[in-house]
C-alpha atoms as a PDB file:
ATOM      1  CA  UNK A   1      37.612  -6.467 -19.764  1.00  0.00           C
ATOM      2  CA  UNK A   2      40.663  -4.292 -19.140  1.00  0.00           C
ATOM      3  CA  UNK A   3      38.442  -1.280 -18.436  1.00  0.00           C
ATOM      4  CA  UNK A   4      36.537  -3.228 -15.776  1.00  0.00           C
ATOM      5  CA  UNK A   5      39.731  -4.422 -14.108  1.00  0.00           C
ATOM      6  CA  UNK A   6      41.076  -0.857 -14.057  1.00  0.00           C
ATOM      7  CA  UNK A   7      37.759   0.376 -12.647  1.00  0.00           C
ATOM      8  CA  UNK A   8      37.853  -2.242  -9.869  1.00  0.00           C
ATOM      9  CA  UNK A   9      41.434  -1.294  -9.004  1.00  0.00           C
ATOM     10  CA  UNK A  10      40.627   2.429  -8.918  1.00  0.00           C
ATOM     11  CA  UNK A  11      37.475   1.877  -6.852  1.00  0.00           C
ATOM     12  CA  UNK A  12      39.405  -0.372  -4.453  1.00  0.00           C
ATOM     13  CA  UNK A  13      42.070   2.281  -3.972  1.00  0.00           C
ATOM     14  CA  UNK A  14      39.356   4.872  -3.401  1.00  0.00           C
ATOM     15  CA  UNK A  15      37.654   2.633  -0.851  1.00  0.00           C
ATOM     16  CA  UNK A  16      40.880   1.958   1.035  1.00  0.00           C
ATOM     17  CA  UNK A  17      41.640   5.682   1.176  1.00  0.00           C
ATOM     18  CA  UNK A  18      38.117   6.604   2.313  1.00  0.00           C
ATOM     19  CA  UNK A  19      37.565   3.682   4.702  1.00  0.00           C
ATOM     20  CA  UNK A  20      37.625   5.811   7.888  1.00  0.00           C
ATOM     21  CA  UNK A  21      34.900   8.058   6.454  1.00  0.00           C
ATOM     22  CA  UNK A  22      32.862   5.065   5.322  1.00  0.00           C
ATOM     23  CA  UNK A  23      33.196   3.491   8.775  1.00  0.00           C
ATOM     24  CA  UNK A  24      31.982   6.721  10.376  1.00  0.00           C
ATOM     25  CA  UNK A  25      28.985   6.826   8.001  1.00  0.00           C
ATOM     26  CA  UNK A  26      28.059   3.231   8.841  1.00  0.00           C
ATOM     27  CA  UNK A  27      28.317   4.006  12.564  1.00  0.00           C
ATOM     28  CA  UNK A  28      26.003   6.986  12.080  1.00  0.00           C
ATOM     29  CA  UNK A  29      23.562   4.781  10.176  1.00  0.00           C
ATOM     30  CA  UNK A  30      23.537   2.191  12.977  1.00  0.00           C
ATOM     31  CA  UNK A  31      23.154   4.924  15.606  1.00  0.00           C
ATOM     32  CA  UNK A  32      20.192   6.348  13.705  1.00  0.00           C
ATOM     33  CA  UNK A  33      18.662   2.859  13.454  1.00  0.00           C
ATOM     34  CA  UNK A  34      19.057   2.371  17.211  1.00  0.00           C
ATOM     35  CA  UNK A  35      17.517   5.797  17.847  1.00  0.00           C
ATOM     36  CA  UNK A  36      14.475   5.019  15.683  1.00  0.00           C
ATOM     37  CA  UNK A  37      14.102   1.597  17.313  1.00  0.00           C
ATOM     38  CA  UNK A  38      14.281   3.206  20.764  1.00  0.00           C
ATOM     39  CA  UNK A  39      11.579   5.733  19.887  1.00  0.00           C
ATOM     40  CA  UNK A  40       9.378   2.970  18.485  1.00  0.00           C
ATOM     41  CA  UNK A  41       9.744   1.055  21.775  1.00  0.00           C
ATOM     42  CA  UNK A  42       7.325   3.569  23.273  1.00  0.00           C
ATOM     43  CA  UNK A  43       4.777   2.850  20.534  1.00  0.00           C
ATOM     44  CA  UNK A  44       4.862  -0.948  20.269  1.00  0.00           C
ATOM     45  CA  UNK A  45       4.332  -3.541  22.973  1.00  0.00           C
ATOM     46  CA  UNK A  46       7.212  -5.548  24.370  1.00  0.00           C
ATOM     47  CA  UNK A  47       5.931  -8.840  22.992  1.00  0.00           C
ATOM     48  CA  UNK A  48       7.257 -10.833  20.080  1.00  0.00           C
ATOM     49  CA  UNK A  49       4.934  -9.194  17.536  1.00  0.00           C
ATOM     50  CA  UNK A  50       5.714  -5.711  18.881  1.00  0.00           C
ATOM     51  CA  UNK A  51       9.468  -6.279  18.665  1.00  0.00           C
ATOM     52  CA  UNK A  52       9.135  -7.641  15.130  1.00  0.00           C
ATOM     53  CA  UNK A  53       7.085  -4.632  14.006  1.00  0.00           C
ATOM     54  CA  UNK A  54       9.472  -2.211  15.704  1.00  0.00           C
ATOM     55  CA  UNK A  55      12.573  -3.743  14.112  1.00  0.00           C
ATOM     56  CA  UNK A  56      10.906  -3.945  10.686  1.00  0.00           C
ATOM     57  CA  UNK A  57       9.866  -0.303  10.721  1.00  0.00           C
ATOM     58  CA  UNK A  58      13.268   0.801  12.025  1.00  0.00           C
ATOM     59  CA  UNK A  59      14.965  -1.164   9.243  1.00  0.00           C
ATOM     60  CA  UNK A  60      12.761   0.346   6.521  1.00  0.00           C
ATOM     61  CA  UNK A  61      12.488   3.965   7.647  1.00  0.00           C
ATOM     62  CA  UNK A  62      16.143   4.996   7.379  1.00  0.00           C
ATOM     63  CA  UNK A  63      16.795   3.963   3.762  1.00  0.00           C
ATOM     64  CA  UNK A  64      13.666   5.810   2.658  1.00  0.00           C
ATOM     65  CA  UNK A  65      14.582   8.925   4.648  1.00  0.00           C
ATOM     66  CA  UNK A  66      18.183   8.901   3.397  1.00  0.00           C
ATOM     67  CA  UNK A  67      16.941   8.484  -0.191  1.00  0.00           C
ATOM     68  CA  UNK A  68      14.352  11.203   0.221  1.00  0.00           C
ATOM     69  CA  UNK A  69      17.023  13.863   0.777  1.00  0.00           C
ATOM     70  CA  UNK A  70      18.602  13.753  -2.726  1.00  0.00           C
ATOM     71  CA  UNK A  71      15.140  13.159  -4.181  1.00  0.00           C
ATOM     72  CA  UNK A  72      13.816  16.390  -2.688  1.00  0.00           C
ATOM     73  CA  UNK A  73      16.873  18.329  -3.836  1.00  0.00           C
ATOM     74  CA  UNK A  74      16.455  16.896  -7.340  1.00  0.00           C
ATOM     75  CA  UNK A  75      12.725  17.716  -7.287  1.00  0.00           C
ATOM     76  CA  UNK A  76      13.415  21.335  -6.296  1.00  0.00           C
ATOM     77  CA  UNK A  77      15.935  21.743  -9.121  1.00  0.00           C
ATOM     78  CA  UNK A  78      14.411  19.693 -11.983  1.00  0.00           C
ATOM     79  CA  UNK A  79      10.703  19.493 -11.041  1.00  0.00           C
ATOM     80  CA  UNK A  80      10.354  15.792 -11.831  1.00  0.00           C
ATOM     81  CA  UNK A  81      10.932  12.459 -10.102  1.00  0.00           C
ATOM     82  CA  UNK A  82      14.475  11.437  -9.207  1.00  0.00           C
ATOM     83  CA  UNK A  83      15.259   8.429 -11.432  1.00  0.00           C
ATOM     84  CA  UNK A  84      17.493   6.533  -8.960  1.00  0.00           C
ATOM     85  CA  UNK A  85      15.381   6.701  -5.809  1.00  0.00           C
ATOM     86  CA  UNK A  86      14.909   2.933  -5.401  1.00  0.00           C
ATOM     87  CA  UNK A  87      18.548   2.204  -6.202  1.00  0.00           C
ATOM     88  CA  UNK A  88      19.628   4.481  -3.353  1.00  0.00           C
ATOM     89  CA  UNK A  89      17.056   2.853  -1.056  1.00  0.00           C
ATOM     90  CA  UNK A  90      18.487  -0.584  -1.894  1.00  0.00           C
ATOM     91  CA  UNK A  91      22.107   0.465  -1.395  1.00  0.00           C
ATOM     92  CA  UNK A  92      21.394   2.091   1.973  1.00  0.00           C
ATOM     93  CA  UNK A  93      19.267  -0.900   3.019  1.00  0.00           C
ATOM     94  CA  UNK A  94      22.010  -3.355   2.061  1.00  0.00           C
ATOM     95  CA  UNK A  95      24.670  -1.396   3.943  1.00  0.00           C
ATOM     96  CA  UNK A  96      22.418  -1.074   6.982  1.00  0.00           C
ATOM     97  CA  UNK A  97      21.393  -4.739   6.914  1.00  0.00           C
ATOM     98  CA  UNK A  98      25.018  -5.825   6.530  1.00  0.00           C
ATOM     99  CA  UNK A  99      26.140  -3.658   9.421  1.00  0.00           C
ATOM    100  CA  UNK A 100      23.301  -4.912  11.628  1.00  0.00           C
ATOM    101  CA  UNK A 101      24.128  -8.505  10.710  1.00  0.00           C
ATOM    102  CA  UNK A 102      27.757  -7.904  11.713  1.00  0.00           C
ATOM    103  CA  UNK A 103      26.653  -6.500  15.092  1.00  0.00           C
ATOM    104  CA  UNK A 104      24.248  -9.350  15.882  1.00  0.00           C
ATOM    105  CA  UNK A 105      25.637 -11.639  18.521  1.00  0.00           C
END
């Protein structure tokens, strides 16, 4: 129990100290999402189904692309599948979904 409390305190201090960098990373993630959504506007119709498909694809593409980068590096070095691919996808998706939810008016 003490180890977990110490870990939470240390991680909280680390987060507070790196908050400007984290904020910049989230802004880049949202900018990339907007860029993908803008490109997909040319592909999908402007109707309700087209907007839904465009937003769904834009929401799913970035976590997979971000997770693919360490996966490819790991594959080049070790020559087998990266064991934490889906965990990275989920973390990036949760951060992106949270940031998009905060921006929704």
